[in-house]
Amino acid sequence: MSKTKEQLIAEVMEGQTPLVSVRAAAAYLGCSERTIARMCELGKLKAIKVMSMWRVNRNALIDYASAA
């Protein structure tokens, strides 16, 4: 079962984990998953790569959104 956009945004806003998925970050910022991955690759978002998937730092994502 895939999560709705609202559930993904809630994962960022109310989440208990310090890392969020690219999909949740994209829903939160209102852009594509590829854009988030590119931002991670370029160092515009604080993130780590786990296996082959990016995980975005939740606090850095919220800070980025409030500065934009």
PDB file of N, CA and C in Angstrom:
ATOM      1  N   MET A   1       0.845  -1.182   0.000  1.00  0.00           N
ATOM      2  CA  MET A   1       0.000   0.000   0.000  1.00  0.00           C
ATOM      3  C   MET A   1       0.885   1.239   0.000  1.00  0.00           C
ATOM      4  N   SER A   2       0.714   2.107  -0.988  1.00  0.00           N
ATOM      5  CA  SER A   2       1.518   3.319  -1.057  1.00  0.00           C
ATOM      6  C   SER A   2       0.878   4.422  -0.223  1.00  0.00           C
ATOM      7  N   LYS A   3       1.719   5.300   0.275  1.00  0.00           N
ATOM      8  CA  LYS A   3       1.252   6.391   1.119  1.00  0.00           C
ATOM      9  C   LYS A   3       0.745   7.540   0.267  1.00  0.00           C
ATOM     10  N   THR A   4      -0.223   8.261   0.794  1.00  0.00           N
ATOM     11  CA  THR A   4      -0.736   9.438   0.107  1.00  0.00           C
ATOM     12  C   THR A   4       0.225  10.602   0.322  1.00  0.00           C
ATOM     13  N   LYS A   5       0.042  11.641  -0.467  1.00  0.00           N
ATOM     14  CA  LYS A   5       0.884  12.835  -0.332  1.00  0.00           C
ATOM     15  C   LYS A   5       0.767  13.412   1.079  1.00  0.00           C
ATOM     16  N   GLU A   6      -0.431  13.416   1.630  1.00  0.00           N
ATOM     17  CA  GLU A   6      -0.647  13.940   2.983  1.00  0.00           C
ATOM     18  C   GLU A   6       0.099  13.108   4.025  1.00  0.00           C
ATOM     19  N   GLN A   7       0.100  11.795   3.850  1.00  0.00           N
ATOM     20  CA  GLN A   7       0.816  10.917   4.775  1.00  0.00           C
ATOM     21  C   GLN A   7       2.323  11.144   4.680  1.00  0.00           C
ATOM     22  N   LEU A   8       2.822  11.366   3.470  1.00  0.00           N
ATOM     23  CA  LEU A   8       4.249  11.617   3.286  1.00  0.00           C
ATOM     24  C   LEU A   8       4.661  12.936   3.923  1.00  0.00           C
ATOM     25  N   ILE A   9       3.828  13.962   3.774  1.00  0.00           N
ATOM     26  CA  ILE A   9       4.126  15.253   4.400  1.00  0.00           C
ATOM     27  C   ILE A   9       4.086  15.129   5.918  1.00  0.00           C
ATOM     28  N   ALA A  10       3.123  14.375   6.437  1.00  0.00           N
ATOM     29  CA  ALA A  10       3.043  14.145   7.882  1.00  0.00           C
ATOM     30  C   ALA A  10       4.270  13.401   8.388  1.00  0.00           C
ATOM     31  N   GLU A  11       4.823  12.506   7.560  1.00  0.00           N
ATOM     32  CA  GLU A  11       6.042  11.780   7.928  1.00  0.00           C
ATOM     33  C   GLU A  11       7.192  12.749   8.188  1.00  0.00           C
ATOM     34  N   VAL A  12       7.243  13.826   7.409  1.00  0.00           N
ATOM     35  CA  VAL A  12       8.285  14.834   7.603  1.00  0.00           C
ATOM     36  C   VAL A  12       7.964  15.698   8.819  1.00  0.00           C
ATOM     37  N   MET A  13       6.747  16.190   8.892  1.00  0.00           N
ATOM     38  CA  MET A  13       6.368  17.126   9.952  1.00  0.00           C
ATOM     39  C   MET A  13       6.325  16.491  11.340  1.00  0.00           C
ATOM     40  N   GLU A  14       5.810  15.287  11.434  1.00  0.00           N
ATOM     41  CA  GLU A  14       5.575  14.664  12.735  1.00  0.00           C
ATOM     42  C   GLU A  14       6.464  13.461  12.984  1.00  0.00           C
ATOM     43  N   GLY A  15       7.347  13.177  12.066  1.00  0.00           N
ATOM     44  CA  GLY A  15       8.160  11.972  12.151  1.00  0.00           C
ATOM     45  C   GLY A  15       9.061  11.920  13.363  1.00  0.00           C
ATOM     46  N   GLN A  16       9.302  10.735  13.821  1.00  0.00           N
ATOM     47  CA  GLN A  16      10.158  10.513  14.978  1.00  0.00           C
ATOM     48  C   GLN A  16      11.581  10.156  14.570  1.00  0.00           C
ATOM     49  N   THR A  17      11.779   9.847  13.294  1.00  0.00           N
ATOM     50  CA  THR A  17      13.099   9.454  12.828  1.00  0.00           C
ATOM     51  C   THR A  17      13.827  10.667  12.256  1.00  0.00           C
ATOM     52  N   PRO A  18      15.144  10.699  12.367  1.00  0.00           N
ATOM     53  CA  PRO A  18      15.898  11.849  11.864  1.00  0.00           C
ATOM     54  C   PRO A  18      16.059  11.863  10.345  1.00  0.00           C
ATOM     55  N   LEU A  19      15.723  10.763   9.681  1.00  0.00           N
ATOM     56  CA  LEU A  19      15.875  10.663   8.237  1.00  0.00           C
ATOM     57  C   LEU A  19      14.541  10.367   7.571  1.00  0.00           C
ATOM     58  N   VAL A  20      14.337  10.954   6.386  1.00  0.00           N
ATOM     59  CA  VAL A  20      13.116  10.694   5.626  1.00  0.00           C
ATOM     60  C   VAL A  20      13.487  10.253   4.222  1.00  0.00           C
ATOM     61  N   SER A  21      12.555   9.614   3.566  1.00  0.00           N
ATOM     62  CA  SER A  21      12.778   9.121   2.212  1.00  0.00           C
ATOM     63  C   SER A  21      12.761  10.271   1.208  1.00  0.00           C
ATOM     64  N   VAL A  22      13.325  10.011   0.051  1.00  0.00           N
ATOM     65  CA  VAL A  22      13.295  10.985  -1.045  1.00  0.00           C
ATOM     66  C   VAL A  22      11.853  11.273  -1.434  1.00  0.00           C
ATOM     67  N   ARG A  23      11.032  10.260  -1.417  1.00  0.00           N
ATOM     68  CA  ARG A  23       9.618  10.429  -1.775  1.00  0.00           C
ATOM     69  C   ARG A  23       8.913  11.382  -0.816  1.00  0.00           C
ATOM     70  N   ALA A  24       9.166  11.230   0.486  1.00  0.00           N
ATOM     71  CA  ALA A  24       8.554  12.116   1.482  1.00  0.00           C
ATOM     72  C   ALA A  24       9.102  13.534   1.339  1.00  0.00           C
ATOM     73  N   ALA A  25      10.397  13.664   1.097  1.00  0.00           N
ATOM     74  CA  ALA A  25      11.004  14.986   0.918  1.00  0.00           C
ATOM     75  C   ALA A  25      10.419  15.683  -0.299  1.00  0.00           C
ATOM     76  N   ALA A  26      10.215  14.938  -1.381  1.00  0.00           N
ATOM     77  CA  ALA A  26       9.639  15.505  -2.598  1.00  0.00           C
ATOM     78  C   ALA A  26       8.206  15.977  -2.361  1.00  0.00           C
ATOM     79  N   ALA A  27       7.426  15.204  -1.643  1.00  0.00           N
ATOM     80  CA  ALA A  27       6.052  15.605  -1.331  1.00  0.00           C
ATOM     81  C   ALA A  27       6.053  16.861  -0.472  1.00  0.00           C
ATOM     82  N   TYR A  28       6.963  16.928   0.485  1.00  0.00           N
ATOM     83  CA  TYR A  28       7.045  18.068   1.393  1.00  0.00           C
ATOM     84  C   TYR A  28       7.415  19.351   0.655  1.00  0.00           C
ATOM     85  N   LEU A  29       8.372  19.270  -0.280  1.00  0.00           N
ATOM     86  CA  LEU A  29       8.812  20.457  -1.013  1.00  0.00           C
ATOM     87  C   LEU A  29       7.984  20.724  -2.269  1.00  0.00           C
ATOM     88  N   GLY A  30       7.165  19.749  -2.669  1.00  0.00           N
ATOM     89  CA  GLY A  30       6.340  19.925  -3.855  1.00  0.00           C
ATOM     90  C   GLY A  30       7.130  19.858  -5.149  1.00  0.00           C
ATOM     91  N   CYS A  31       8.088  18.948  -5.196  1.00  0.00           N
ATOM     92  CA  CYS A  31       8.892  18.775  -6.408  1.00  0.00           C
ATOM     93  C   CYS A  31       9.035  17.279  -6.693  1.00  0.00           C
ATOM     94  N   SER A  32       9.815  16.944  -7.703  1.00  0.00           N
ATOM     95  CA  SER A  32       9.960  15.535  -8.069  1.00  0.00           C
ATOM     96  C   SER A  32      11.008  14.837  -7.198  1.00  0.00           C
ATOM     97  N   GLU A  33      10.916  13.533  -7.165  1.00  0.00           N
ATOM     98  CA  GLU A  33      11.894  12.730  -6.427  1.00  0.00           C
ATOM     99  C   GLU A  33      13.285  12.896  -7.031  1.00  0.00           C
ATOM    100  N   ARG A  34      13.352  13.030  -8.354  1.00  0.00           N
ATOM    101  CA  ARG A  34      14.636  13.220  -9.029  1.00  0.00           C
ATOM    102  C   ARG A  34      15.290  14.535  -8.610  1.00  0.00           C
ATOM    103  N   THR A  35      14.481  15.571  -8.426  1.00  0.00           N
ATOM    104  CA  THR A  35      15.015  16.858  -7.977  1.00  0.00           C
ATOM    105  C   THR A  35      15.636  16.717  -6.591  1.00  0.00           C
ATOM    106  N   ILE A  36      14.974  15.990  -5.707  1.00  0.00           N
ATOM    107  CA  ILE A  36      15.513  15.772  -4.356  1.00  0.00           C
ATOM    108  C   ILE A  36      16.815  14.985  -4.441  1.00  0.00           C
ATOM    109  N   ALA A  37      16.844  13.926  -5.241  1.00  0.00           N
ATOM    110  CA  ALA A  37      18.068  13.130  -5.393  1.00  0.00           C
ATOM    111  C   ALA A  37      19.208  13.993  -5.926  1.00  0.00           C
ATOM    112  N   ARG A  38      18.907  14.851  -6.886  1.00  0.00           N
ATOM    113  CA  ARG A  38      19.926  15.741  -7.445  1.00  0.00           C
ATOM    114  C   ARG A  38      20.434  16.708  -6.377  1.00  0.00           C
ATOM    115  N   MET A  39      19.532  17.237  -5.548  1.00  0.00           N
ATOM    116  CA  MET A  39      19.933  18.134  -4.469  1.00  0.00           C
ATOM    117  C   MET A  39      20.844  17.420  -3.468  1.00  0.00           C
ATOM    118  N   CYS A  40      20.557  16.167  -3.216  1.00  0.00           N
ATOM    119  CA  CYS A  40      21.399  15.368  -2.319  1.00  0.00           C
ATOM    120  C   CYS A  40      22.779  15.167  -2.939  1.00  0.00           C
ATOM    121  N   GLU A  41      22.810  14.826  -4.221  1.00  0.00           N
ATOM    122  CA  GLU A  41      24.072  14.605  -4.922  1.00  0.00           C
ATOM    123  C   GLU A  41      24.940  15.865  -4.935  1.00  0.00           C
ATOM    124  N   LEU A  42      24.296  17.020  -5.080  1.00  0.00           N
ATOM    125  CA  LEU A  42      25.022  18.291  -5.146  1.00  0.00           C
ATOM    126  C   LEU A  42      25.349  18.872  -3.777  1.00  0.00           C
ATOM    127  N   GLY A  43      24.826  18.246  -2.723  1.00  0.00           N
ATOM    128  CA  GLY A  43      25.095  18.724  -1.372  1.00  0.00           C
ATOM    129  C   GLY A  43      24.203  19.877  -0.939  1.00  0.00           C
ATOM    130  N   LYS A  44      23.133  20.130  -1.662  1.00  0.00           N
ATOM    131  CA  LYS A  44      22.201  21.200  -1.291  1.00  0.00           C
ATOM    132  C   LYS A  44      21.310  20.794  -0.128  1.00  0.00           C
ATOM    133  N   LEU A  45      21.116  19.504   0.049  1.00  0.00           N
ATOM    134  CA  LEU A  45      20.373  18.959   1.181  1.00  0.00           C
ATOM    135  C   LEU A  45      21.284  17.998   1.932  1.00  0.00           C
ATOM    136  N   LYS A  46      21.255  18.086   3.232  1.00  0.00           N
ATOM    137  CA  LYS A  46      22.038  17.162   4.046  1.00  0.00           C
ATOM    138  C   LYS A  46      21.378  15.793   3.978  1.00  0.00           C
ATOM    139  N   ALA A  47      22.118  14.815   3.482  1.00  0.00           N
ATOM    140  CA  ALA A  47      21.554  13.481   3.290  1.00  0.00           C
ATOM    141  C   ALA A  47      22.676  12.443   3.297  1.00  0.00           C
ATOM    142  N   ILE A  48      22.281  11.199   3.470  1.00  0.00           N
ATOM    143  CA  ILE A  48      23.230  10.094   3.364  1.00  0.00           C
ATOM    144  C   ILE A  48      22.654   9.072   2.395  1.00  0.00           C
ATOM    145  N   LYS A  49      23.536   8.294   1.841  1.00  0.00           N
ATOM    146  CA  LYS A  49      23.104   7.248   0.921  1.00  0.00           C
ATOM    147  C   LYS A  49      23.162   5.917   1.662  1.00  0.00           C
ATOM    148  N   VAL A  50      22.039   5.236   1.731  1.00  0.00           N
ATOM    149  CA  VAL A  50      21.929   3.931   2.364  1.00  0.00           C
ATOM    150  C   VAL A  50      21.692   2.927   1.253  1.00  0.00           C
ATOM    151  N   MET A  51      22.676   2.054   1.066  1.00  0.00           N
ATOM    152  CA  MET A  51      22.667   1.157  -0.082  1.00  0.00           C
ATOM    153  C   MET A  51      22.638   2.036  -1.333  1.00  0.00           C
ATOM    154  N   SER A  52      21.583   2.019  -2.094  1.00  0.00           N
ATOM    155  CA  SER A  52      21.526   2.859  -3.292  1.00  0.00           C
ATOM    156  C   SER A  52      20.474   3.955  -3.175  1.00  0.00           C
ATOM    157  N   MET A  53      19.924   4.139  -1.976  1.00  0.00           N
ATOM    158  CA  MET A  53      18.837   5.114  -1.800  1.00  0.00           C
ATOM    159  C   MET A  53      19.259   6.247  -0.871  1.00  0.00           C
ATOM    160  N   TRP A  54      18.880   7.457  -1.236  1.00  0.00           N
ATOM    161  CA  TRP A  54      19.147   8.612  -0.400  1.00  0.00           C
ATOM    162  C   TRP A  54      18.156   8.672   0.750  1.00  0.00           C
ATOM    163  N   ARG A  55      18.652   9.111   1.904  1.00  0.00           N
ATOM    164  CA  ARG A  55      17.827   9.421   3.064  1.00  0.00           C
ATOM    165  C   ARG A  55      18.179  10.833   3.477  1.00  0.00           C
ATOM    166  N   VAL A  56      17.158  11.681   3.549  1.00  0.00           N
ATOM    167  CA  VAL A  56      17.355  13.107   3.789  1.00  0.00           C
ATOM    168  C   VAL A  56      17.195  13.414   5.268  1.00  0.00           C
ATOM    169  N   ASN A  57      18.091  14.262   5.778  1.00  0.00           N
ATOM    170  CA  ASN A  57      18.016  14.704   7.162  1.00  0.00           C
ATOM    171  C   ASN A  57      16.742  15.536   7.330  1.00  0.00           C
ATOM    172  N   ARG A  58      15.888  15.104   8.229  1.00  0.00           N
ATOM    173  CA  ARG A  58      14.578  15.731   8.419  1.00  0.00           C
ATOM    174  C   ARG A  58      14.689  17.201   8.815  1.00  0.00           C
ATOM    175  N   ASN A  59      15.552  17.513   9.774  1.00  0.00           N
ATOM    176  CA  ASN A  59      15.711  18.900  10.218  1.00  0.00           C
ATOM    177  C   ASN A  59      16.271  19.780   9.114  1.00  0.00           C
ATOM    178  N   ALA A  60      17.229  19.260   8.346  1.00  0.00           N
ATOM    179  CA  ALA A  60      17.798  20.031   7.240  1.00  0.00           C
ATOM    180  C   ALA A  60      16.740  20.312   6.177  1.00  0.00           C
ATOM    181  N   LEU A  61      15.865  19.362   5.939  1.00  0.00           N
ATOM    182  CA  LEU A  61      14.787  19.542   4.970  1.00  0.00           C
ATOM    183  C   LEU A  61      13.827  20.642   5.416  1.00  0.00           C
ATOM    184  N   ILE A  62      13.454  20.619   6.671  1.00  0.00           N
ATOM    185  CA  ILE A  62      12.547  21.651   7.209  1.00  0.00           C
ATOM    186  C   ILE A  62      13.220  23.008   7.155  1.00  0.00           C
ATOM    187  N   ASP A  63      14.506  23.074   7.499  1.00  0.00           N
ATOM    188  CA  ASP A  63      15.248  24.341   7.436  1.00  0.00           C
ATOM    189  C   ASP A  63      15.317  24.847   6.004  1.00  0.00           C
ATOM    190  N   TYR A  64      15.574  23.966   5.048  1.00  0.00           N
ATOM    191  CA  TYR A  64      15.648  24.336   3.639  1.00  0.00           C
ATOM    192  C   TYR A  64      14.313  24.915   3.169  1.00  0.00           C
ATOM    193  N   ALA A  65      13.228  24.266   3.556  1.00  0.00           N
ATOM    194  CA  ALA A  65      11.901  24.714   3.136  1.00  0.00           C
ATOM    195  C   ALA A  65      11.563  26.076   3.728  1.00  0.00           C
ATOM    196  N   SER A  66      11.961  26.317   4.954  1.00  0.00           N
ATOM    197  CA  SER A  66      11.630  27.603   5.574  1.00  0.00           C
ATOM    198  C   SER A  66      12.508  28.742   5.040  1.00  0.00           C
ATOM    199  N   ALA A  67      13.684  28.403   4.522  1.00  0.00           N
ATOM    200  CA  ALA A  67      14.569  29.434   3.958  1.00  0.00           C
ATOM    201  C   ALA A  67      14.203  29.775   2.519  1.00  0.00           C
ATOM    202  N   ALA A  68      13.497  28.878   1.870  1.00  0.00           N
ATOM    203  CA  ALA A  68      13.174  29.101   0.440  1.00  0.00           C
ATOM    204  C   ALA A  68      12.033  30.043   0.240  1.00  0.00           C
TER     205      ALA A  68
END
